[in-house]
């Protein structure tokens, strides 16, 4: 069975943390990718593919911090992601191995971020007509420097968590 995934039937999210001597001043962010498409194929030709528009990341929530994030703050964060972090380069994942595991799939493949392709592995849960899963991406492994502010006293944590939750719906 082949399932098509995207913003119409699911959520692709990125969760960031913060470090540094003034980490309390910053925010942990929940960011949604608003333009993406994925394919999940099960059975003999099992595969997982995902393409995301790097300029479609929108901050949905900022928790912690000394002050709430305003609209200008959100716009500035999104601009920084576009221009400095991802440099407007799209994101792609292609599985190289998909194996059945308890309650889902064990996936290994190649993730391309900012033109650098590296292997990554994660599990997907298939239950209740949905696919759910998460992978931890260490930015520096893809040649990305985590964002810093206040002369380096506030930093986005190197490891970010990418999560998917989508309805499987009709297969083709």
N, C-alpha and C. Protein backbone atom coordinates (compact mmCIF):
# COMPACT_ATOMS: atom_id res chain seq x y z
N UNK A 1 0.83 -1.18 0.00
CA UNK A 1 0.00 0.00 0.00
C UNK A 1 0.88 1.25 0.00
N UNK A 2 0.43 2.26 -0.71
CA UNK A 2 1.18 3.52 -0.80
C UNK A 2 0.28 4.64 -0.29
N UNK A 3 0.79 5.38 0.68
CA UNK A 3 0.05 6.49 1.28
C UNK A 3 0.75 7.81 0.95
N UNK A 4 -0.03 8.80 0.57
CA UNK A 4 0.48 10.14 0.33
C UNK A 4 0.22 10.98 1.58
N UNK A 5 1.23 11.66 2.07
CA UNK A 5 1.14 12.45 3.29
C UNK A 5 1.44 13.90 2.99
N UNK A 6 0.89 14.80 3.78
CA UNK A 6 1.16 16.22 3.62
C UNK A 6 0.37 17.05 4.62
N UNK A 7 0.42 18.36 4.49
CA UNK A 7 -0.25 19.24 5.46
C UNK A 7 -1.77 19.06 5.50
N UNK A 8 -2.35 18.49 4.44
CA UNK A 8 -3.80 18.28 4.43
C UNK A 8 -4.23 17.16 5.36
N UNK A 9 -3.31 16.23 5.66
CA UNK A 9 -3.68 15.11 6.52
C UNK A 9 -2.72 14.89 7.68
N UNK A 10 -1.79 15.82 7.88
CA UNK A 10 -0.84 15.61 8.97
C UNK A 10 -0.03 16.83 9.32
N UNK A 11 0.81 16.65 10.32
CA UNK A 11 1.68 17.71 10.82
C UNK A 11 3.12 17.23 10.80
N UNK A 12 3.99 18.08 10.26
CA UNK A 12 5.43 17.88 10.32
C UNK A 12 5.96 19.03 11.18
N UNK A 13 6.55 18.69 12.32
CA UNK A 13 6.94 19.72 13.28
C UNK A 13 8.40 19.57 13.68
N UNK A 14 8.98 20.70 14.09
CA UNK A 14 10.34 20.75 14.60
C UNK A 14 10.27 21.37 15.99
N UNK A 15 10.92 20.72 16.95
CA UNK A 15 10.99 21.25 18.32
C UNK A 15 12.44 21.58 18.63
N UNK A 16 12.66 22.82 19.08
CA UNK A 16 14.01 23.25 19.44
C UNK A 16 14.09 23.47 20.94
N UNK A 17 15.29 23.37 21.47
CA UNK A 17 15.57 23.69 22.86
C UNK A 17 16.60 24.80 22.91
N UNK A 18 17.03 25.16 24.12
CA UNK A 18 17.99 26.27 24.27
C UNK A 18 19.03 25.91 25.30
N UNK A 19 20.21 26.49 25.11
CA UNK A 19 21.33 26.30 26.03
C UNK A 19 22.04 27.63 26.19
N UNK A 20 23.07 27.63 26.99
CA UNK A 20 23.86 28.84 27.19
C UNK A 20 23.64 29.43 28.56
N UNK A 21 24.47 30.40 28.90
CA UNK A 21 24.43 30.97 30.25
C UNK A 21 23.15 31.75 30.51
N UNK A 22 22.49 32.25 29.47
CA UNK A 22 21.22 32.96 29.67
C UNK A 22 20.07 32.23 28.98
N UNK A 23 20.10 30.89 29.02
CA UNK A 23 19.07 30.08 28.36
C UNK A 23 17.67 30.44 28.85
N UNK A 24 17.55 30.86 30.11
CA UNK A 24 16.23 31.22 30.65
C UNK A 24 15.58 32.36 29.87
N UNK A 25 16.37 33.16 29.19
CA UNK A 25 15.84 34.30 28.45
C UNK A 25 15.22 33.86 27.12
N UNK A 26 15.64 32.70 26.62
CA UNK A 26 15.18 32.24 25.31
C UNK A 26 13.92 31.39 25.41
N UNK A 27 13.51 30.87 24.27
CA UNK A 27 12.29 30.08 24.19
C UNK A 27 12.56 28.73 23.52
N UNK A 28 11.87 27.71 24.00
CA UNK A 28 11.81 26.44 23.28
C UNK A 28 10.72 26.62 22.24
N UNK A 29 11.02 26.28 20.99
CA UNK A 29 10.08 26.56 19.91
C UNK A 29 9.43 25.30 19.37
N UNK A 30 8.16 25.45 19.00
CA UNK A 30 7.44 24.46 18.22
C UNK A 30 7.22 25.11 16.86
N UNK A 31 7.78 24.50 15.82
CA UNK A 31 7.75 25.05 14.48
C UNK A 31 7.06 24.04 13.57
N UNK A 32 6.08 24.49 12.79
CA UNK A 32 5.43 23.61 11.83
C UNK A 32 5.96 23.88 10.43
N UNK A 33 6.16 22.80 9.69
CA UNK A 33 6.50 22.89 8.27
C UNK A 33 5.15 22.93 7.55
N UNK A 34 4.87 24.00 6.84
CA UNK A 34 3.53 24.17 6.26
C UNK A 34 3.43 23.69 4.81
N UNK A 35 4.58 23.45 4.15
CA UNK A 35 4.58 22.92 2.79
C UNK A 35 5.51 21.73 2.73
N UNK A 36 4.91 20.53 2.66
CA UNK A 36 5.68 19.30 2.60
C UNK A 36 4.83 18.21 1.97
N UNK A 37 5.51 17.18 1.49
CA UNK A 37 4.80 16.01 0.98
C UNK A 37 5.65 14.78 1.27
N UNK A 38 4.95 13.73 1.59
CA UNK A 38 5.64 12.49 1.89
C UNK A 38 4.94 11.31 1.28
N UNK A 39 5.68 10.22 1.14
CA UNK A 39 5.14 8.97 0.65
C UNK A 39 5.57 7.88 1.61
N UNK A 40 4.61 7.06 2.01
CA UNK A 40 4.88 5.90 2.85
C UNK A 40 4.35 4.69 2.10
N UNK A 41 5.24 3.79 1.73
CA UNK A 41 4.86 2.56 1.06
C UNK A 41 5.17 1.39 1.98
N UNK A 42 4.22 0.51 2.13
CA UNK A 42 4.41 -0.68 2.96
C UNK A 42 4.38 -1.91 2.05
N UNK A 43 4.81 -3.03 2.59
CA UNK A 43 4.81 -4.26 1.82
C UNK A 43 6.18 -4.54 1.24
N UNK A 44 6.18 -5.26 0.10
CA UNK A 44 7.43 -5.70 -0.51
C UNK A 44 8.32 -4.54 -0.97
N UNK A 45 7.72 -3.46 -1.44
CA UNK A 45 8.52 -2.31 -1.90
C UNK A 45 8.43 -1.15 -0.89
N UNK A 46 8.57 -1.48 0.38
CA UNK A 46 8.44 -0.48 1.45
C UNK A 46 9.47 0.64 1.28
N UNK A 47 9.00 1.87 1.44
CA UNK A 47 9.88 3.03 1.35
C UNK A 47 9.23 4.21 2.05
N UNK A 48 10.07 5.17 2.43
CA UNK A 48 9.61 6.42 3.02
C UNK A 48 10.35 7.54 2.30
N UNK A 49 9.59 8.53 1.83
CA UNK A 49 10.16 9.69 1.16
C UNK A 49 9.49 10.93 1.71
N UNK A 50 10.25 12.01 1.80
CA UNK A 50 9.69 13.27 2.27
C UNK A 50 10.45 14.43 1.65
N UNK A 51 9.71 15.44 1.20
CA UNK A 51 10.28 16.68 0.69
C UNK A 51 9.60 17.83 1.41
N UNK A 52 10.39 18.80 1.87
CA UNK A 52 9.85 19.94 2.60
C UNK A 52 10.42 21.24 2.06
N UNK A 53 9.55 22.23 1.96
CA UNK A 53 9.94 23.58 1.54
C UNK A 53 10.55 24.27 2.76
N UNK A 54 11.84 24.54 2.70
CA UNK A 54 12.56 25.11 3.85
C UNK A 54 12.07 26.51 4.22
N UNK A 55 11.38 27.19 3.30
CA UNK A 55 10.89 28.54 3.60
C UNK A 55 9.48 28.52 4.17
N UNK A 56 8.95 27.34 4.45
CA UNK A 56 7.57 27.24 4.94
C UNK A 56 7.49 26.98 6.44
N UNK A 57 8.60 27.10 7.16
CA UNK A 57 8.58 26.86 8.60
C UNK A 57 7.96 28.05 9.33
N UNK A 58 6.96 27.77 10.14
CA UNK A 58 6.23 28.80 10.88
C UNK A 58 6.25 28.47 12.37
N UNK A 59 6.65 29.43 13.19
CA UNK A 59 6.69 29.24 14.63
C UNK A 59 5.26 29.22 15.16
N UNK A 60 4.88 28.13 15.81
CA UNK A 60 3.52 27.99 16.36
C UNK A 60 3.47 28.27 17.86
N UNK A 61 4.63 28.09 18.52
CA UNK A 61 4.64 28.24 19.98
C UNK A 61 6.06 28.50 20.46
N UNK A 62 6.18 29.37 21.43
CA UNK A 62 7.46 29.61 22.10
C UNK A 62 7.23 29.49 23.60
N UNK A 63 7.75 28.45 24.21
CA UNK A 63 7.54 28.25 25.64
C UNK A 63 8.80 28.62 26.41
N UNK A 64 8.60 28.99 27.68
CA UNK A 64 9.71 29.45 28.49
C UNK A 64 10.02 30.89 28.16
N UNK A 65 11.19 31.32 28.50
CA UNK A 65 11.60 32.68 28.18
C UNK A 65 11.16 33.69 29.22
N UNK A 66 11.77 34.84 29.16
CA UNK A 66 11.46 35.91 30.11
C UNK A 66 10.18 36.65 29.73
N UNK A 67 9.93 36.73 28.40
CA UNK A 67 8.75 37.44 27.92
C UNK A 67 8.12 36.63 26.80
N UNK A 68 6.82 36.81 26.60
CA UNK A 68 6.13 36.13 25.52
C UNK A 68 6.65 36.64 24.17
N UNK A 69 6.59 35.78 23.17
CA UNK A 69 7.00 36.17 21.83
C UNK A 69 5.87 36.94 21.15
N UNK A 70 6.20 38.09 20.59
CA UNK A 70 5.22 38.88 19.85
C UNK A 70 5.30 38.56 18.37
N UNK A 71 4.40 39.14 17.59
CA UNK A 71 4.36 38.90 16.15
C UNK A 71 5.68 39.27 15.48
N UNK A 72 6.30 40.39 15.89
CA UNK A 72 7.59 40.78 15.32
C UNK A 72 8.67 39.76 15.64
N UNK A 73 8.65 39.22 16.87
CA UNK A 73 9.62 38.20 17.27
C UNK A 73 9.47 36.95 16.39
N UNK A 74 8.22 36.53 16.19
CA UNK A 74 7.96 35.34 15.38
C UNK A 74 8.46 35.56 13.95
N UNK A 75 8.17 36.72 13.39
CA UNK A 75 8.61 37.03 12.02
C UNK A 75 10.13 37.04 11.94
N UNK A 76 10.80 37.59 12.95
CA UNK A 76 12.26 37.62 12.96
C UNK A 76 12.86 36.22 13.05
N UNK A 77 12.25 35.36 13.87
CA UNK A 77 12.73 33.98 13.99
C UNK A 77 12.57 33.26 12.66
N UNK A 78 11.41 33.41 12.02
CA UNK A 78 11.17 32.75 10.75
C UNK A 78 12.14 33.26 9.67
N UNK A 79 12.42 34.55 9.68
CA UNK A 79 13.37 35.13 8.71
C UNK A 79 14.77 34.57 8.95
N UNK A 80 15.16 34.43 10.22
CA UNK A 80 16.47 33.88 10.55
C UNK A 80 16.57 32.43 10.11
N UNK A 81 15.50 31.65 10.30
CA UNK A 81 15.51 30.26 9.84
C UNK A 81 15.71 30.23 8.33
N UNK A 82 14.96 31.06 7.61
CA UNK A 82 15.06 31.09 6.14
C UNK A 82 16.45 31.50 5.67
N UNK A 83 16.95 32.60 6.19
CA UNK A 83 18.17 33.21 5.67
C UNK A 83 19.47 32.64 6.24
N UNK A 84 19.48 32.34 7.53
CA UNK A 84 20.73 31.95 8.20
C UNK A 84 20.84 30.47 8.52
N UNK A 85 19.74 29.86 8.94
CA UNK A 85 19.81 28.47 9.38
C UNK A 85 19.71 27.51 8.20
N UNK A 86 18.60 27.57 7.46
CA UNK A 86 18.40 26.65 6.34
C UNK A 86 18.82 27.24 4.99
N UNK A 87 19.06 28.53 4.97
CA UNK A 87 19.53 29.23 3.76
C UNK A 87 18.64 28.94 2.54
N UNK A 88 17.34 28.82 2.81
CA UNK A 88 16.33 28.63 1.76
C UNK A 88 16.57 27.39 0.90
N UNK A 89 17.26 26.40 1.44
CA UNK A 89 17.52 25.15 0.72
C UNK A 89 16.57 24.07 1.20
N UNK A 90 15.84 23.50 0.27
CA UNK A 90 14.82 22.52 0.62
C UNK A 90 15.41 21.30 1.31
N UNK A 91 14.53 20.57 1.96
CA UNK A 91 14.89 19.43 2.79
C UNK A 91 14.33 18.17 2.12
N UNK A 92 15.10 17.10 2.12
CA UNK A 92 14.64 15.85 1.51
C UNK A 92 15.10 14.65 2.34
N UNK A 93 14.26 13.62 2.36
CA UNK A 93 14.61 12.35 2.99
C UNK A 93 14.23 11.23 2.03
N UNK A 94 15.13 10.26 1.88
CA UNK A 94 14.87 9.06 1.09
C UNK A 94 15.35 7.86 1.89
N UNK A 95 14.44 6.92 2.12
CA UNK A 95 14.83 5.72 2.87
C UNK A 95 15.75 4.84 2.04
N UNK A 96 16.64 4.17 2.74
CA UNK A 96 17.51 3.17 2.12
C UNK A 96 17.16 1.77 2.64
N UNK A 97 16.47 1.72 3.78
CA UNK A 97 16.02 0.46 4.35
C UNK A 97 14.78 0.71 5.21
N UNK A 98 13.76 -0.10 5.02
CA UNK A 98 12.54 -0.04 5.83
C UNK A 98 12.23 -1.47 6.25
N UNK A 99 12.15 -1.68 7.57
CA UNK A 99 11.87 -3.01 8.10
C UNK A 99 10.69 -2.95 9.05
N UNK A 100 9.88 -4.00 9.02
CA UNK A 100 8.78 -4.08 9.97
C UNK A 100 9.34 -4.23 11.37
N UNK A 101 8.73 -3.51 12.31
CA UNK A 101 9.12 -3.58 13.72
C UNK A 101 7.83 -3.65 14.52
N UNK A 102 7.93 -3.94 15.78
CA UNK A 102 6.75 -4.04 16.64
C UNK A 102 5.92 -2.75 16.55
N UNK A 103 4.72 -2.85 16.03
CA UNK A 103 3.83 -1.70 15.96
C UNK A 103 4.13 -0.70 14.87
N UNK A 104 5.08 -1.01 13.98
CA UNK A 104 5.38 -0.03 12.95
C UNK A 104 6.55 -0.42 12.08
N UNK A 105 7.37 0.60 11.80
CA UNK A 105 8.49 0.42 10.89
C UNK A 105 9.77 1.00 11.47
N UNK A 106 10.88 0.35 11.19
CA UNK A 106 12.20 0.87 11.51
C UNK A 106 12.78 1.37 10.19
N UNK A 107 13.13 2.67 10.15
CA UNK A 107 13.51 3.32 8.90
C UNK A 107 14.95 3.84 9.00
N UNK A 108 15.72 3.57 7.96
CA UNK A 108 17.06 4.14 7.81
C UNK A 108 17.10 4.79 6.43
N UNK A 109 17.75 5.96 6.35
CA UNK A 109 17.82 6.61 5.05
C UNK A 109 18.74 7.80 5.07
N UNK A 110 18.63 8.60 4.01
CA UNK A 110 19.49 9.76 3.82
C UNK A 110 18.67 11.04 3.92
N UNK A 111 19.11 11.93 4.82
CA UNK A 111 18.48 13.22 5.01
C UNK A 111 19.39 14.29 4.42
N UNK A 112 18.80 15.15 3.57
CA UNK A 112 19.56 16.24 2.96
C UNK A 112 19.09 17.56 3.56
N UNK A 113 20.03 18.26 4.19
CA UNK A 113 19.81 19.59 4.78
C UNK A 113 20.91 20.50 4.27
N UNK A 114 20.54 21.65 3.76
CA UNK A 114 21.51 22.63 3.26
C UNK A 114 22.56 22.02 2.34
N UNK A 115 22.12 21.10 1.49
CA UNK A 115 23.01 20.51 0.51
C UNK A 115 23.90 19.40 1.03
N UNK A 116 23.80 19.09 2.31
CA UNK A 116 24.60 18.01 2.90
C UNK A 116 23.70 16.82 3.18
N UNK A 117 24.12 15.64 2.71
CA UNK A 117 23.33 14.42 2.88
C UNK A 117 24.04 13.49 3.84
N UNK A 118 23.30 13.04 4.86
CA UNK A 118 23.86 12.15 5.87
C UNK A 118 22.82 11.11 6.24
N UNK A 119 23.27 9.95 6.75
CA UNK A 119 22.32 8.91 7.15
C UNK A 119 21.65 9.26 8.48
N UNK A 120 20.42 8.78 8.62
CA UNK A 120 19.67 8.95 9.86
C UNK A 120 18.72 7.76 9.99
N UNK A 121 18.39 7.40 11.22
CA UNK A 121 17.47 6.28 11.48
C UNK A 121 16.43 6.71 12.50
N UNK A 122 15.22 6.17 12.36
CA UNK A 122 14.13 6.46 13.28
C UNK A 122 13.06 5.39 13.14
N UNK A 123 12.13 5.39 14.05
CA UNK A 123 11.01 4.45 14.03
C UNK A 123 9.72 5.20 13.72
N UNK A 124 8.82 4.53 13.01
CA UNK A 124 7.48 5.05 12.76
C UNK A 124 6.48 4.10 13.38
N UNK A 125 5.52 4.66 14.08
CA UNK A 125 4.44 3.88 14.67
C UNK A 125 3.26 3.93 13.71
N UNK A 126 2.69 2.77 13.42
CA UNK A 126 1.49 2.69 12.58
C UNK A 126 0.38 2.13 13.45
N UNK A 127 -0.58 2.97 13.81
CA UNK A 127 -1.67 2.53 14.69
C UNK A 127 -2.86 3.46 14.52
N UNK A 128 -4.06 2.89 14.59
CA UNK A 128 -5.26 3.70 14.55
C UNK A 128 -5.42 4.51 13.28
N UNK A 129 -4.90 4.00 12.16
CA UNK A 129 -5.01 4.72 10.90
C UNK A 129 -4.09 5.93 10.79
N UNK A 130 -3.06 5.98 11.63
CA UNK A 130 -2.13 7.11 11.63
C UNK A 130 -0.69 6.60 11.59
N UNK A 131 0.19 7.49 11.16
CA UNK A 131 1.62 7.25 11.25
C UNK A 131 2.18 8.35 12.15
N UNK A 132 3.00 7.93 13.12
CA UNK A 132 3.63 8.87 14.04
C UNK A 132 5.09 8.46 14.20
N UNK A 133 5.93 9.47 14.36
CA UNK A 133 7.34 9.16 14.59
C UNK A 133 8.12 10.42 14.85
N UNK A 134 9.37 10.23 15.25
CA UNK A 134 10.25 11.36 15.54
C UNK A 134 11.69 10.95 15.27
N UNK A 135 12.47 11.94 14.88
CA UNK A 135 13.91 11.75 14.68
C UNK A 135 14.63 12.94 15.29
N UNK A 136 15.77 12.69 15.87
CA UNK A 136 16.60 13.76 16.42
C UNK A 136 17.68 14.09 15.41
N UNK A 137 17.76 15.36 15.05
CA UNK A 137 18.73 15.84 14.08
C UNK A 137 19.73 16.73 14.81
N UNK A 138 20.99 16.37 14.73
CA UNK A 138 22.05 17.18 15.31
C UNK A 138 22.56 18.10 14.21
N UNK A 139 22.25 19.39 14.33
CA UNK A 139 22.52 20.35 13.26
C UNK A 139 23.97 20.33 12.78
N UNK A 140 24.91 20.27 13.71
CA UNK A 140 26.33 20.34 13.34
C UNK A 140 26.75 19.16 12.47
N UNK A 141 26.06 18.03 12.55
CA UNK A 141 26.40 16.89 11.71
C UNK A 141 26.09 17.16 10.24
N UNK A 142 25.24 18.14 9.98
CA UNK A 142 24.91 18.53 8.61
C UNK A 142 25.61 19.85 8.24
N UNK A 143 26.61 20.24 9.02
CA UNK A 143 27.37 21.44 8.72
C UNK A 143 26.64 22.73 9.06
N UNK A 144 25.63 22.65 9.90
CA UNK A 144 24.86 23.82 10.29
C UNK A 144 25.32 24.30 11.66
N UNK A 145 25.48 25.60 11.80
CA UNK A 145 25.84 26.17 13.08
C UNK A 145 24.55 26.58 13.80
N UNK A 146 24.28 25.99 14.99
CA UNK A 146 23.06 26.38 15.71
C UNK A 146 23.04 27.89 15.99
N UNK A 147 21.88 28.47 15.87
CA UNK A 147 21.70 29.91 16.05
C UNK A 147 22.12 30.34 17.45
N UNK A 148 22.80 31.49 17.55
CA UNK A 148 23.18 32.06 18.84
C UNK A 148 22.76 33.52 18.88
N UNK A 149 22.58 34.01 20.10
CA UNK A 149 22.25 35.42 20.32
C UNK A 149 22.98 35.89 21.57
N UNK A 150 22.93 37.18 21.81
CA UNK A 150 23.56 37.77 23.00
C UNK A 150 25.02 37.34 23.11
N UNK A 151 25.74 37.49 22.00
CA UNK A 151 27.17 37.17 21.96
C UNK A 151 27.47 35.73 22.36
N UNK A 152 26.56 34.81 22.02
CA UNK A 152 26.76 33.40 22.30
C UNK A 152 26.25 32.94 23.64
N UNK A 153 25.72 33.85 24.44
CA UNK A 153 25.23 33.47 25.77
C UNK A 153 23.88 32.73 25.69
N UNK A 154 23.19 32.86 24.57
CA UNK A 154 21.93 32.15 24.33
C UNK A 154 22.09 31.39 23.02
N UNK A 155 21.84 30.09 23.07
CA UNK A 155 22.03 29.25 21.89
C UNK A 155 20.84 28.33 21.70
N UNK A 156 20.52 28.06 20.44
CA UNK A 156 19.57 26.98 20.14
C UNK A 156 20.36 25.69 20.30
N UNK A 157 19.78 24.72 20.98
CA UNK A 157 20.44 23.44 21.19
C UNK A 157 20.77 22.80 19.85
N UNK A 158 21.91 22.13 19.79
CA UNK A 158 22.37 21.49 18.56
C UNK A 158 21.37 20.44 18.08
N UNK A 159 20.77 19.71 19.00
CA UNK A 159 19.83 18.66 18.64
C UNK A 159 18.41 19.21 18.59
N UNK A 160 17.75 19.02 17.44
CA UNK A 160 16.35 19.39 17.29
C UNK A 160 15.57 18.11 17.02
N UNK A 161 14.31 18.11 17.41
CA UNK A 161 13.46 16.92 17.25
C UNK A 161 12.46 17.19 16.13
N UNK A 162 12.44 16.32 15.15
CA UNK A 162 11.50 16.42 14.03
C UNK A 162 10.43 15.35 14.23
N UNK A 163 9.17 15.77 14.19
CA UNK A 163 8.05 14.86 14.48
C UNK A 163 7.05 14.86 13.33
N UNK A 164 6.49 13.68 13.07
CA UNK A 164 5.42 13.57 12.09
C UNK A 164 4.23 12.88 12.74
N UNK A 165 3.04 13.37 12.41
CA UNK A 165 1.79 12.75 12.85
C UNK A 165 0.80 12.97 11.72
N UNK A 166 0.42 11.89 11.04
CA UNK A 166 -0.45 12.03 9.87
C UNK A 166 -1.43 10.88 9.78
N UNK A 167 -2.60 11.18 9.24
CA UNK A 167 -3.60 10.16 8.94
C UNK A 167 -3.16 9.41 7.69
N UNK A 168 -3.33 8.08 7.70
CA UNK A 168 -2.94 7.31 6.55
C UNK A 168 -3.95 7.41 5.40
N UNK A 169 -5.22 7.51 5.71
CA UNK A 169 -6.24 7.73 4.67
C UNK A 169 -6.21 6.70 3.57
N UNK A 170 -6.55 7.14 2.37
CA UNK A 170 -6.64 6.24 1.21
C UNK A 170 -5.26 5.92 0.68
N UNK A 171 -5.07 4.68 0.32
CA UNK A 171 -3.82 4.29 -0.33
C UNK A 171 -4.05 4.25 -1.83
N UNK A 172 -2.97 4.30 -2.55
CA UNK A 172 -3.10 4.18 -4.01
C UNK A 172 -2.41 2.94 -4.49
